[in-house]
N, C-alpha and C. Protein backbone atom coordinates (compact mmCIF):
# COMPACT_ATOMS: atom_id res chain seq x y z
N MET A 1 20.97 -8.50 -1.48
CA MET A 1 19.97 -7.55 -1.55
C MET A 1 18.66 -8.15 -0.97
N ALA A 2 18.06 -7.33 -0.08
CA ALA A 2 16.79 -7.74 0.60
C ALA A 2 15.66 -7.67 -0.45
N ARG A 3 14.64 -8.45 -0.20
CA ARG A 3 13.43 -8.38 -0.93
C ARG A 3 12.25 -8.23 0.04
N TYR A 4 11.74 -7.01 0.10
CA TYR A 4 10.92 -6.61 1.28
C TYR A 4 9.35 -6.97 0.99
N GLY A 5 8.78 -7.35 2.10
CA GLY A 5 7.43 -7.74 2.11
C GLY A 5 6.71 -7.32 3.38
N LEU A 6 5.44 -7.52 3.42
CA LEU A 6 4.59 -7.13 4.52
C LEU A 6 3.54 -8.24 4.77
N ILE A 7 3.34 -8.51 6.08
CA ILE A 7 2.31 -9.42 6.53
C ILE A 7 1.30 -8.62 7.37
N VAL A 8 -0.01 -8.70 7.00
CA VAL A 8 -1.15 -8.06 7.79
C VAL A 8 -1.93 -9.13 8.49
N ASP A 9 -1.94 -9.02 9.73
CA ASP A 9 -2.66 -10.03 10.64
C ASP A 9 -4.10 -9.46 10.92
N LEU A 10 -5.00 -9.96 10.25
CA LEU A 10 -6.41 -9.43 10.36
C LEU A 10 -6.96 -9.85 11.65
N ASN A 11 -6.41 -10.83 12.36
CA ASN A 11 -6.90 -11.25 13.69
C ASN A 11 -6.53 -10.17 14.66
N THR A 12 -5.51 -9.35 14.33
CA THR A 12 -4.97 -8.33 15.33
C THR A 12 -5.47 -6.95 15.03
N CYS A 13 -5.61 -6.67 13.77
CA CYS A 13 -6.06 -5.25 13.44
C CYS A 13 -7.28 -4.83 14.09
N THR A 14 -7.31 -3.68 14.60
CA THR A 14 -8.50 -3.20 15.28
C THR A 14 -9.23 -2.07 14.49
N GLY A 15 -8.74 -1.75 13.29
CA GLY A 15 -9.35 -0.77 12.52
C GLY A 15 -9.22 0.69 13.08
N CYS A 16 -8.17 0.94 13.81
CA CYS A 16 -8.02 2.19 14.46
C CYS A 16 -7.66 3.36 13.61
N MET A 17 -7.18 2.99 12.32
CA MET A 17 -6.88 4.01 11.26
C MET A 17 -5.61 4.69 11.58
N THR A 18 -4.80 4.27 12.51
CA THR A 18 -3.53 4.97 12.85
C THR A 18 -2.48 4.86 11.58
N CYS A 19 -2.54 3.70 10.96
CA CYS A 19 -1.67 3.64 9.73
C CYS A 19 -2.05 4.46 8.64
N VAL A 20 -3.46 4.78 8.48
CA VAL A 20 -3.94 5.61 7.47
C VAL A 20 -3.45 7.03 7.75
N LEU A 21 -3.62 7.51 9.00
CA LEU A 21 -3.21 8.82 9.35
C LEU A 21 -1.73 9.00 9.32
N ALA A 22 -0.95 8.02 9.79
CA ALA A 22 0.56 8.11 9.75
C ALA A 22 1.06 8.29 8.34
N CYS A 23 0.45 7.40 7.40
CA CYS A 23 0.83 7.44 6.02
C CYS A 23 0.61 8.87 5.43
N LYS A 24 -0.55 9.39 5.69
CA LYS A 24 -0.92 10.70 5.10
C LYS A 24 -0.09 11.80 5.64
N GLN A 25 0.26 11.78 6.92
CA GLN A 25 1.07 12.75 7.50
C GLN A 25 2.51 12.65 6.91
N GLU A 26 3.04 11.41 6.81
CA GLU A 26 4.39 11.16 6.37
C GLU A 26 4.59 11.56 4.84
N ASN A 27 3.58 11.25 4.06
CA ASN A 27 3.68 11.48 2.58
C ASN A 27 2.98 12.68 2.02
N LEU A 28 2.20 13.34 2.85
CA LEU A 28 1.49 14.46 2.41
C LEU A 28 0.64 14.24 1.17
N THR A 29 -0.12 13.12 1.20
CA THR A 29 -1.12 12.79 0.10
C THR A 29 -2.18 13.79 0.02
N ARG A 30 -2.67 14.03 -1.14
CA ARG A 30 -3.71 15.10 -1.31
C ARG A 30 -5.06 14.71 -0.75
N PRO A 31 -5.99 15.62 -0.64
CA PRO A 31 -7.36 15.30 -0.13
C PRO A 31 -8.00 14.22 -1.04
N GLY A 32 -8.66 13.25 -0.47
CA GLY A 32 -9.25 12.23 -1.18
C GLY A 32 -8.37 11.07 -1.71
N VAL A 33 -7.06 11.27 -1.40
CA VAL A 33 -6.07 10.17 -1.79
C VAL A 33 -5.53 9.58 -0.51
N GLN A 34 -5.70 8.23 -0.46
CA GLN A 34 -5.12 7.53 0.67
C GLN A 34 -4.37 6.35 0.10
N TRP A 35 -3.11 6.27 0.42
CA TRP A 35 -2.29 5.17 0.02
C TRP A 35 -2.53 3.88 0.99
N ASN A 36 -2.89 4.24 2.12
CA ASN A 36 -3.40 3.11 3.04
C ASN A 36 -4.81 3.26 3.29
N ARG A 37 -5.54 2.14 3.09
CA ARG A 37 -6.99 2.27 3.40
C ARG A 37 -7.43 1.07 4.35
N ILE A 38 -8.41 1.31 5.14
CA ILE A 38 -8.98 0.26 5.91
C ILE A 38 -10.33 -0.12 5.45
N LEU A 39 -10.47 -1.33 4.97
CA LEU A 39 -11.78 -1.80 4.53
C LEU A 39 -12.52 -2.54 5.63
N GLU A 40 -13.84 -2.18 5.82
CA GLU A 40 -14.64 -2.88 6.96
C GLU A 40 -15.45 -3.99 6.27
N ILE A 41 -15.23 -5.20 6.72
CA ILE A 41 -15.99 -6.29 6.20
C ILE A 41 -16.86 -6.90 7.27
N GLU A 42 -18.20 -6.84 7.14
CA GLU A 42 -19.09 -7.30 8.17
C GLU A 42 -19.39 -8.79 7.90
N ASN A 43 -19.54 -9.52 8.99
CA ASN A 43 -20.01 -10.88 9.04
C ASN A 43 -21.21 -10.90 9.85
N ALA A 44 -22.35 -10.90 9.29
CA ALA A 44 -23.68 -10.75 9.97
C ALA A 44 -23.85 -11.90 10.91
N ALA A 45 -23.47 -13.18 10.32
CA ALA A 45 -23.69 -14.39 11.07
C ALA A 45 -22.94 -14.36 12.42
N LEU A 46 -21.73 -13.87 12.43
CA LEU A 46 -21.00 -13.84 13.69
C LEU A 46 -21.12 -12.55 14.34
N ASP A 47 -21.84 -11.55 13.81
CA ASP A 47 -22.01 -10.26 14.38
C ASP A 47 -20.58 -9.65 14.66
N HIS A 48 -19.78 -9.61 13.63
CA HIS A 48 -18.36 -9.23 13.75
C HIS A 48 -17.93 -8.48 12.50
N ILE A 49 -17.06 -7.44 12.67
CA ILE A 49 -16.36 -6.76 11.66
C ILE A 49 -14.94 -6.94 11.56
N THR A 50 -14.42 -7.33 10.42
CA THR A 50 -13.07 -7.51 10.23
C THR A 50 -12.42 -6.28 9.45
N TYR A 51 -11.32 -5.86 9.88
CA TYR A 51 -10.72 -4.65 9.22
C TYR A 51 -9.52 -5.07 8.42
N VAL A 52 -9.54 -4.75 7.19
CA VAL A 52 -8.51 -5.14 6.19
C VAL A 52 -7.67 -3.97 5.70
N ARG A 53 -6.46 -3.94 5.97
CA ARG A 53 -5.45 -2.94 5.49
C ARG A 53 -5.33 -3.17 3.99
N HIS A 54 -5.56 -2.21 3.18
CA HIS A 54 -5.50 -2.35 1.73
C HIS A 54 -4.65 -1.30 1.11
N ALA A 55 -3.52 -1.67 0.50
CA ALA A 55 -2.59 -0.69 -0.13
C ALA A 55 -1.88 -1.52 -1.28
N CYS A 56 -0.91 -0.86 -1.84
CA CYS A 56 -0.11 -1.46 -2.84
C CYS A 56 0.48 -2.80 -2.37
N MET A 57 0.33 -3.86 -3.32
CA MET A 57 0.84 -5.25 -2.90
C MET A 57 2.32 -5.35 -3.19
N GLN A 58 2.90 -4.42 -3.84
CA GLN A 58 4.33 -4.45 -4.29
C GLN A 58 4.59 -5.79 -4.96
N CYS A 59 3.89 -6.06 -6.05
CA CYS A 59 3.99 -7.26 -6.72
C CYS A 59 5.29 -7.54 -7.35
N ASP A 60 5.75 -8.85 -7.34
CA ASP A 60 6.96 -9.23 -8.05
C ASP A 60 6.78 -9.04 -9.52
N ASP A 61 5.56 -9.34 -10.09
CA ASP A 61 5.22 -9.08 -11.48
C ASP A 61 4.08 -8.05 -11.66
N PRO A 62 4.46 -6.82 -11.40
CA PRO A 62 3.43 -5.87 -11.30
C PRO A 62 2.85 -5.46 -12.78
N PRO A 63 1.62 -5.74 -13.01
CA PRO A 63 0.96 -5.38 -14.23
C PRO A 63 1.01 -3.83 -14.52
N CYS A 64 1.08 -3.07 -13.52
CA CYS A 64 1.07 -1.64 -13.77
C CYS A 64 2.34 -1.18 -14.50
N LEU A 65 3.43 -1.94 -14.24
CA LEU A 65 4.67 -1.57 -14.91
C LEU A 65 4.63 -1.70 -16.40
N ASP A 66 4.03 -2.78 -16.86
CA ASP A 66 3.96 -3.00 -18.39
C ASP A 66 2.84 -2.02 -18.93
N ALA A 67 1.87 -1.67 -18.10
CA ALA A 67 0.70 -0.84 -18.63
C ALA A 67 1.13 0.69 -18.72
N CYS A 68 2.19 1.05 -18.00
CA CYS A 68 2.60 2.49 -17.98
C CYS A 68 3.10 2.89 -19.29
N GLN A 69 2.52 3.88 -19.98
CA GLN A 69 2.84 4.37 -21.31
C GLN A 69 4.11 5.17 -21.23
N SER A 70 4.32 5.78 -20.12
CA SER A 70 5.54 6.77 -20.02
C SER A 70 6.73 6.12 -19.40
N ARG A 71 6.60 4.85 -18.97
CA ARG A 71 7.70 4.22 -18.28
C ARG A 71 8.08 4.93 -16.93
N ALA A 72 6.98 5.45 -16.41
CA ALA A 72 7.10 6.10 -15.06
C ALA A 72 7.25 5.22 -13.86
N ILE A 73 6.94 3.98 -14.10
CA ILE A 73 6.78 2.96 -13.08
C ILE A 73 8.09 2.05 -13.15
N THR A 74 8.74 1.83 -12.04
CA THR A 74 9.95 0.95 -12.04
C THR A 74 9.81 0.12 -10.81
N LYS A 75 10.64 -0.97 -10.73
CA LYS A 75 10.73 -1.83 -9.66
C LYS A 75 12.19 -1.86 -9.17
N ARG A 76 12.47 -1.49 -7.91
CA ARG A 76 13.84 -1.44 -7.49
C ARG A 76 14.36 -2.87 -7.24
N ALA A 77 15.66 -2.88 -7.09
CA ALA A 77 16.32 -4.25 -6.84
C ALA A 77 15.80 -5.00 -5.61
N ASP A 78 15.25 -4.19 -4.64
CA ASP A 78 14.72 -4.70 -3.40
C ASP A 78 13.22 -5.08 -3.56
N GLY A 79 12.75 -4.90 -4.83
CA GLY A 79 11.35 -5.31 -5.03
C GLY A 79 10.30 -4.17 -4.89
N ILE A 80 10.60 -3.03 -4.40
CA ILE A 80 9.68 -1.98 -4.18
C ILE A 80 9.30 -1.27 -5.50
N VAL A 81 7.97 -1.22 -5.78
CA VAL A 81 7.53 -0.66 -6.97
C VAL A 81 7.16 0.82 -6.85
N LEU A 82 7.72 1.63 -7.56
CA LEU A 82 7.71 3.17 -7.47
C LEU A 82 7.11 3.82 -8.79
N ILE A 83 6.46 4.97 -8.55
CA ILE A 83 6.01 5.79 -9.70
C ILE A 83 6.70 7.10 -9.64
N ASP A 84 7.35 7.43 -10.72
CA ASP A 84 8.03 8.78 -10.81
C ASP A 84 6.98 9.77 -11.49
N GLN A 85 6.48 10.58 -10.55
CA GLN A 85 5.39 11.47 -10.94
C GLN A 85 5.86 12.55 -11.97
N LYS A 86 7.07 12.78 -12.08
CA LYS A 86 7.53 13.74 -13.06
C LYS A 86 7.49 13.04 -14.42
N LYS A 87 7.61 11.76 -14.63
CA LYS A 87 7.44 11.12 -15.81
C LYS A 87 5.93 10.71 -16.19
N CYS A 88 5.24 10.55 -15.12
CA CYS A 88 3.78 10.10 -15.27
C CYS A 88 2.98 11.11 -16.08
N ILE A 89 2.21 10.62 -17.10
CA ILE A 89 1.44 11.49 -17.94
C ILE A 89 -0.11 11.56 -17.64
N GLY A 90 -0.37 10.73 -16.51
CA GLY A 90 -1.75 10.63 -15.97
C GLY A 90 -2.68 9.82 -16.89
N CYS A 91 -2.15 8.92 -17.70
CA CYS A 91 -3.05 8.13 -18.62
C CYS A 91 -3.88 7.16 -17.98
N GLY A 92 -3.55 6.81 -16.79
CA GLY A 92 -4.55 5.85 -15.94
C GLY A 92 -4.23 4.38 -16.39
N GLY A 93 -3.26 4.06 -17.14
CA GLY A 93 -2.94 2.65 -17.42
C GLY A 93 -2.71 1.80 -16.28
N CYS A 94 -1.98 2.39 -15.22
CA CYS A 94 -1.78 1.60 -14.00
C CYS A 94 -2.99 1.45 -13.26
N VAL A 95 -3.90 2.47 -13.23
CA VAL A 95 -5.11 2.32 -12.50
C VAL A 95 -5.91 1.15 -13.12
N ASP A 96 -6.01 1.08 -14.40
CA ASP A 96 -6.93 0.03 -15.05
C ASP A 96 -6.24 -1.33 -15.05
N SER A 97 -5.05 -1.47 -14.90
CA SER A 97 -4.27 -2.71 -14.98
C SER A 97 -4.18 -3.41 -13.57
N CYS A 98 -4.24 -2.70 -12.52
CA CYS A 98 -4.05 -3.24 -11.18
C CYS A 98 -5.22 -4.02 -10.74
N PRO A 99 -5.10 -5.38 -10.54
CA PRO A 99 -6.20 -6.16 -10.05
C PRO A 99 -6.75 -5.86 -8.63
N TYR A 100 -5.87 -5.12 -7.83
CA TYR A 100 -6.18 -4.75 -6.53
C TYR A 100 -6.82 -3.35 -6.37
N GLY A 101 -6.91 -2.69 -7.54
CA GLY A 101 -7.45 -1.34 -7.51
C GLY A 101 -6.79 -0.32 -6.66
N VAL A 102 -5.34 -0.34 -6.68
CA VAL A 102 -4.67 0.40 -5.76
C VAL A 102 -4.24 1.80 -6.30
N PRO A 103 -3.58 1.95 -7.46
CA PRO A 103 -3.10 3.32 -7.90
C PRO A 103 -4.32 4.26 -8.00
N ARG A 104 -4.02 5.53 -7.69
CA ARG A 104 -5.02 6.62 -7.79
C ARG A 104 -4.41 7.84 -8.51
N LEU A 105 -5.14 8.49 -9.19
CA LEU A 105 -4.73 9.78 -9.84
C LEU A 105 -4.92 10.77 -8.82
N ASN A 106 -3.95 11.70 -8.53
CA ASN A 106 -3.93 12.71 -7.60
C ASN A 106 -5.03 13.62 -7.92
N THR A 107 -5.80 14.15 -7.00
CA THR A 107 -6.75 15.21 -7.16
C THR A 107 -6.03 16.54 -7.35
N ASP A 108 -6.70 17.61 -7.87
CA ASP A 108 -6.16 18.90 -7.86
C ASP A 108 -6.52 19.70 -6.62
N GLN A 109 -7.15 19.00 -5.67
CA GLN A 109 -7.49 19.75 -4.41
C GLN A 109 -6.31 19.91 -3.45
N GLN A 110 -6.46 20.93 -2.67
CA GLN A 110 -5.55 21.22 -1.69
C GLN A 110 -6.26 21.35 -0.31
N TYR A 111 -5.63 21.02 0.78
CA TYR A 111 -6.20 21.19 2.10
C TYR A 111 -6.45 22.73 2.43
N PHE A 112 -5.54 23.54 2.09
CA PHE A 112 -5.64 25.01 2.23
C PHE A 112 -5.30 25.61 0.98
N PRO A 113 -6.29 25.75 0.12
CA PRO A 113 -6.10 26.42 -1.27
C PRO A 113 -5.54 27.82 -1.15
N GLY A 114 -4.49 27.98 -2.00
CA GLY A 114 -3.87 29.39 -1.99
C GLY A 114 -2.82 29.53 -1.02
N GLU A 115 -2.67 28.60 -0.09
CA GLU A 115 -1.71 28.82 1.08
C GLU A 115 -0.52 27.69 0.86
N THR A 116 0.63 28.08 1.28
CA THR A 116 1.73 27.21 1.32
C THR A 116 2.16 27.04 2.82
N LEU A 117 1.92 25.93 3.33
CA LEU A 117 2.16 25.64 4.76
C LEU A 117 3.68 25.46 4.98
N PRO A 118 4.08 25.66 6.21
CA PRO A 118 5.51 25.63 6.55
C PRO A 118 6.13 24.28 6.13
N PHE A 119 5.36 23.18 6.38
CA PHE A 119 5.99 21.85 6.11
C PHE A 119 5.96 21.52 4.55
N GLU A 120 5.25 22.32 3.82
CA GLU A 120 5.24 22.22 2.36
C GLU A 120 6.47 22.87 1.68
N LYS A 121 7.03 23.87 2.37
CA LYS A 121 8.14 24.56 1.75
C LYS A 121 9.38 23.65 1.71
N ASN A 122 10.07 23.68 0.59
CA ASN A 122 11.23 22.83 0.37
C ASN A 122 11.01 21.41 0.84
N ALA A 123 9.81 20.90 0.54
CA ALA A 123 9.47 19.50 0.88
C ALA A 123 10.36 18.48 0.11
N ALA A 124 10.71 17.45 0.83
CA ALA A 124 11.39 16.32 0.16
C ALA A 124 10.58 15.83 -1.02
N ALA A 125 11.33 15.24 -1.92
CA ALA A 125 10.67 14.86 -3.21
C ALA A 125 9.57 13.89 -3.00
N PHE A 126 9.68 12.89 -2.02
CA PHE A 126 8.63 11.99 -1.75
C PHE A 126 7.38 12.50 -1.28
N ARG A 127 7.39 13.78 -0.76
CA ARG A 127 6.24 14.45 -0.27
C ARG A 127 5.53 15.31 -1.27
N VAL A 128 6.18 15.45 -2.44
CA VAL A 128 5.62 16.34 -3.53
C VAL A 128 4.56 15.42 -4.33
N GLN A 129 3.29 15.71 -4.18
CA GLN A 129 2.30 14.94 -4.84
C GLN A 129 1.60 15.86 -5.96
N LEU A 130 1.84 15.56 -7.20
CA LEU A 130 1.50 16.40 -8.31
C LEU A 130 0.02 16.04 -8.85
N SER A 131 -0.65 17.11 -9.10
CA SER A 131 -2.10 16.97 -9.53
C SER A 131 -2.18 16.22 -10.82
N GLY A 132 -3.11 15.29 -10.93
CA GLY A 132 -3.29 14.53 -12.19
C GLY A 132 -2.37 13.30 -12.34
N LYS A 133 -1.42 13.26 -11.51
CA LYS A 133 -0.38 12.15 -11.61
C LYS A 133 -0.75 10.94 -10.70
N SER A 134 -0.35 9.82 -11.13
CA SER A 134 -0.58 8.56 -10.33
C SER A 134 0.28 8.44 -9.13
N SER A 135 -0.35 7.95 -8.10
CA SER A 135 0.43 7.74 -6.83
C SER A 135 -0.12 6.47 -6.15
N LYS A 136 0.74 5.99 -5.19
CA LYS A 136 0.36 4.85 -4.46
C LYS A 136 1.40 4.57 -3.28
N CYS A 137 1.12 3.70 -2.39
CA CYS A 137 2.06 3.37 -1.37
C CYS A 137 3.49 2.94 -1.98
N THR A 138 4.48 3.49 -1.26
CA THR A 138 5.90 3.25 -1.74
C THR A 138 6.58 2.29 -0.65
N PHE A 139 5.87 1.70 0.20
CA PHE A 139 6.61 1.09 1.32
C PHE A 139 7.43 2.02 2.14
N CYS A 140 7.16 3.30 1.98
CA CYS A 140 8.14 4.36 2.53
C CYS A 140 9.59 4.03 2.24
N ALA A 141 9.81 3.96 0.84
CA ALA A 141 11.19 3.65 0.42
C ALA A 141 12.28 4.66 0.99
N HIS A 142 11.79 5.85 1.21
CA HIS A 142 12.73 6.86 1.71
C HIS A 142 13.08 6.46 3.19
N ARG A 143 12.25 5.89 3.86
CA ARG A 143 12.64 5.44 5.26
C ARG A 143 13.46 4.15 5.27
N ILE A 144 13.07 3.20 4.32
CA ILE A 144 13.87 2.05 4.26
C ILE A 144 15.35 2.29 3.88
N ASP A 145 15.49 3.25 3.05
CA ASP A 145 16.90 3.68 2.60
C ASP A 145 17.68 4.24 3.88
N GLN A 146 16.96 4.55 4.88
CA GLN A 146 17.59 5.07 6.14
C GLN A 146 17.59 4.00 7.16
N GLY A 147 17.22 2.77 6.80
CA GLY A 147 17.31 1.74 7.74
C GLY A 147 16.04 1.59 8.68
N LYS A 148 15.03 2.32 8.29
CA LYS A 148 13.77 2.30 9.12
C LYS A 148 12.78 1.44 8.45
N SER A 149 11.69 1.26 9.18
CA SER A 149 10.47 0.43 8.68
C SER A 149 9.49 1.52 8.02
N PRO A 150 8.55 1.02 7.31
CA PRO A 150 7.44 1.90 6.84
C PRO A 150 6.72 2.50 7.96
N VAL A 151 6.33 3.79 7.80
CA VAL A 151 5.73 4.50 8.92
C VAL A 151 4.51 3.86 9.44
N CYS A 152 3.71 3.17 8.57
CA CYS A 152 2.44 2.48 9.06
C CYS A 152 2.82 1.29 9.98
N VAL A 153 3.88 0.63 9.77
CA VAL A 153 4.39 -0.43 10.59
C VAL A 153 4.78 0.05 11.92
N GLU A 154 5.60 1.10 11.92
CA GLU A 154 5.99 1.74 13.16
C GLU A 154 4.91 2.25 13.96
N ALA A 155 3.87 2.83 13.29
CA ALA A 155 2.78 3.48 14.11
C ALA A 155 1.78 2.56 14.56
N CYS A 156 1.59 1.37 13.97
CA CYS A 156 0.47 0.40 14.42
C CYS A 156 0.50 0.05 15.86
N PRO A 157 -0.51 0.40 16.59
CA PRO A 157 -0.46 0.18 18.07
C PRO A 157 -0.72 -1.36 18.37
N SER A 158 -1.35 -2.06 17.54
CA SER A 158 -1.69 -3.45 17.77
C SER A 158 -0.64 -4.42 17.18
N LYS A 159 0.38 -3.86 16.57
CA LYS A 159 1.42 -4.72 15.95
C LYS A 159 0.84 -5.68 14.93
N ALA A 160 -0.08 -5.29 14.18
CA ALA A 160 -0.70 -6.11 13.17
C ALA A 160 0.09 -6.27 11.93
N LEU A 161 1.08 -5.38 11.80
CA LEU A 161 1.90 -5.37 10.59
C LEU A 161 3.30 -5.87 10.79
N THR A 162 3.74 -6.83 10.02
CA THR A 162 5.10 -7.39 10.12
C THR A 162 5.87 -7.11 8.78
N PHE A 163 6.87 -6.32 8.88
CA PHE A 163 7.68 -6.01 7.67
C PHE A 163 9.04 -6.49 7.82
N GLY A 164 9.62 -7.00 6.65
CA GLY A 164 11.06 -7.36 6.63
C GLY A 164 11.41 -7.98 5.28
N ASP A 165 12.55 -8.67 5.38
CA ASP A 165 13.17 -9.31 4.20
C ASP A 165 12.65 -10.70 4.07
N LEU A 166 11.91 -10.91 2.89
CA LEU A 166 11.32 -12.16 2.64
C LEU A 166 12.29 -13.30 2.34
N ASP A 167 13.51 -12.90 2.01
CA ASP A 167 14.60 -13.84 1.73
C ASP A 167 15.47 -14.18 2.87
N ASP A 168 15.23 -13.53 3.97
CA ASP A 168 16.11 -13.71 5.17
C ASP A 168 15.35 -14.80 6.09
N PRO A 169 15.82 -16.04 6.27
CA PRO A 169 15.13 -17.02 6.99
C PRO A 169 15.11 -16.65 8.50
N GLN A 170 15.87 -15.75 8.92
CA GLN A 170 15.86 -15.30 10.30
C GLN A 170 14.92 -14.14 10.59
N SER A 171 14.30 -13.53 9.60
CA SER A 171 13.56 -12.38 9.81
C SER A 171 12.17 -12.74 10.31
N GLY A 172 11.63 -11.78 11.10
CA GLY A 172 10.26 -12.02 11.61
C GLY A 172 9.17 -12.32 10.57
N ILE A 173 9.27 -11.66 9.42
CA ILE A 173 8.25 -11.89 8.37
C ILE A 173 8.44 -13.28 7.80
N ARG A 174 9.62 -13.78 7.61
CA ARG A 174 9.87 -15.07 7.08
C ARG A 174 9.32 -16.24 7.97
N LYS A 175 9.46 -15.89 9.30
CA LYS A 175 8.92 -16.93 10.24
C LYS A 175 7.45 -17.02 10.25
N LYS A 176 6.79 -15.90 9.85
CA LYS A 176 5.26 -15.96 9.91
C LYS A 176 4.76 -16.25 8.53
N LEU A 177 5.57 -16.36 7.49
CA LEU A 177 5.07 -16.42 6.23
C LEU A 177 4.13 -17.61 5.98
N TRP A 178 4.44 -18.76 6.62
CA TRP A 178 3.66 -20.03 6.48
C TRP A 178 2.28 -19.79 6.93
N GLN A 179 2.03 -18.83 7.79
CA GLN A 179 0.65 -18.63 8.29
C GLN A 179 -0.17 -17.76 7.35
N SER A 180 0.41 -17.10 6.37
CA SER A 180 -0.19 -16.04 5.66
C SER A 180 -0.56 -16.54 4.20
N ASN A 181 -1.50 -15.81 3.60
CA ASN A 181 -1.93 -16.09 2.20
C ASN A 181 -1.96 -14.79 1.35
N GLN A 182 -1.80 -14.95 0.25
CA GLN A 182 -1.80 -13.78 -0.77
C GLN A 182 -3.34 -13.55 -1.25
N LEU A 183 -3.62 -12.36 -1.37
CA LEU A 183 -5.03 -12.04 -1.99
C LEU A 183 -4.92 -12.11 -3.56
N LEU A 184 -5.95 -12.65 -4.16
CA LEU A 184 -5.99 -12.77 -5.62
C LEU A 184 -4.78 -13.42 -6.21
N ALA A 185 -4.24 -14.59 -5.50
CA ALA A 185 -3.12 -15.18 -6.01
C ALA A 185 -3.24 -15.69 -7.43
N ASP A 186 -4.52 -15.91 -7.90
CA ASP A 186 -4.71 -16.48 -9.23
C ASP A 186 -4.38 -15.42 -10.32
N GLN A 187 -4.20 -14.18 -9.87
CA GLN A 187 -3.85 -13.20 -10.92
C GLN A 187 -2.45 -13.27 -11.39
N GLY A 188 -1.64 -14.06 -10.76
CA GLY A 188 -0.17 -14.27 -11.08
C GLY A 188 0.61 -13.02 -10.98
N THR A 189 0.32 -12.14 -10.08
CA THR A 189 1.25 -10.91 -9.86
C THR A 189 2.28 -11.17 -8.77
N HIS A 190 2.06 -12.25 -7.99
CA HIS A 190 2.98 -12.59 -6.89
C HIS A 190 3.23 -11.40 -5.88
N PRO A 191 2.18 -11.00 -5.31
CA PRO A 191 2.30 -9.90 -4.31
C PRO A 191 3.18 -10.13 -3.16
N LYS A 192 3.85 -9.18 -2.74
CA LYS A 192 4.70 -9.40 -1.50
C LYS A 192 4.05 -8.88 -0.18
N VAL A 193 2.75 -8.66 -0.37
CA VAL A 193 1.92 -8.36 0.88
C VAL A 193 0.99 -9.56 1.02
N SER A 194 0.93 -10.12 2.21
CA SER A 194 0.13 -11.34 2.43
C SER A 194 -0.65 -11.08 3.80
N TYR A 195 -1.70 -11.94 4.02
CA TYR A 195 -2.53 -11.75 5.16
C TYR A 195 -2.72 -13.01 5.97
N ILE A 196 -2.74 -12.77 7.29
CA ILE A 196 -3.12 -13.87 8.24
C ILE A 196 -4.60 -13.72 8.57
N ALA A 197 -5.42 -14.73 8.12
CA ALA A 197 -6.86 -14.67 8.37
C ALA A 197 -7.45 -15.93 8.03
N ARG A 198 -8.72 -16.13 8.45
CA ARG A 198 -9.48 -17.34 8.04
C ARG A 198 -9.73 -17.23 6.57
N LYS A 199 -9.80 -18.45 5.95
CA LYS A 199 -10.06 -18.52 4.49
C LYS A 199 -11.30 -17.80 4.00
N ASN A 200 -12.38 -17.93 4.84
CA ASN A 200 -13.61 -17.24 4.33
C ASN A 200 -13.54 -15.77 4.37
N MET A 201 -12.63 -15.29 5.36
CA MET A 201 -12.37 -13.78 5.40
C MET A 201 -11.49 -13.32 4.23
N LEU A 202 -10.54 -14.19 3.82
CA LEU A 202 -9.74 -13.89 2.69
C LEU A 202 -10.62 -13.68 1.39
N LYS A 203 -11.50 -14.65 1.32
CA LYS A 203 -12.48 -14.64 0.14
C LYS A 203 -13.32 -13.40 0.20
N SER A 204 -13.83 -13.07 1.30
CA SER A 204 -14.65 -11.76 1.46
C SER A 204 -13.80 -10.50 1.07
N SER A 205 -12.53 -10.60 1.57
CA SER A 205 -11.56 -9.46 1.24
C SER A 205 -11.37 -9.40 -0.24
N GLU A 206 -11.24 -10.49 -0.89
CA GLU A 206 -11.07 -10.47 -2.45
C GLU A 206 -12.27 -9.90 -3.10
N GLN A 207 -13.42 -10.34 -2.63
CA GLN A 207 -14.70 -9.81 -3.29
C GLN A 207 -14.88 -8.33 -3.09
N ARG A 208 -14.45 -7.86 -1.84
CA ARG A 208 -14.55 -6.45 -1.52
C ARG A 208 -13.68 -5.53 -2.51
N ILE A 209 -12.42 -6.12 -2.69
CA ILE A 209 -11.36 -5.45 -3.46
C ILE A 209 -11.88 -5.40 -4.96
N THR A 210 -12.32 -6.49 -5.50
CA THR A 210 -12.70 -6.60 -6.92
C THR A 210 -14.04 -5.92 -7.17
N ASP A 211 -14.87 -5.85 -6.20
CA ASP A 211 -16.20 -5.21 -6.31
C ASP A 211 -16.48 -4.23 -5.24
N PRO A 212 -15.85 -3.08 -5.20
CA PRO A 212 -15.88 -2.20 -4.15
C PRO A 212 -17.30 -1.68 -3.73
N LYS A 213 -18.28 -1.75 -4.71
CA LYS A 213 -19.63 -1.31 -4.45
C LYS A 213 -20.24 -2.22 -3.46
């Protein structure tokens, strides 16, 4: 069984937001809810902006799983952490427990209130986002089950995202793993998303995540 992970190369990402838009189109997330986010981190000394893709870290030891009162959160055999919105009671336990600030409670907003658009009719289960329920990046588990990559990886024009089996020594991600580092590794969640970047930029990214203000 594969154990999937993702490497984000901050030296390559241009902040084009293609991954954000592709994710929203694929998963039909509600207004104000983005499973993929791009953080802009400014370095005044270098007159430079680094763009950081921020989404679920798909932790090997996810604190959200233990914090979920309704047992709506599970981890698949391949390591992907999922939220069953039908079981979710919207308690926010996962939101409070995640050191990366990833899970979000779905808004009750709609892009076109009172209207059902053609692509919303008979929508696949992964596209049904329920109001008040928690949601987050799923690594596009539905695509992985079809032998495809997550849509953000496929859509990225700068090839800043490398996805694959962390346990396969011949996979592209395994060959790059030595160059990458985890964010907030001291939290002990063992995230399967890591980043290629200078150490000072990793530190700035951690500060931005833990203190978004």
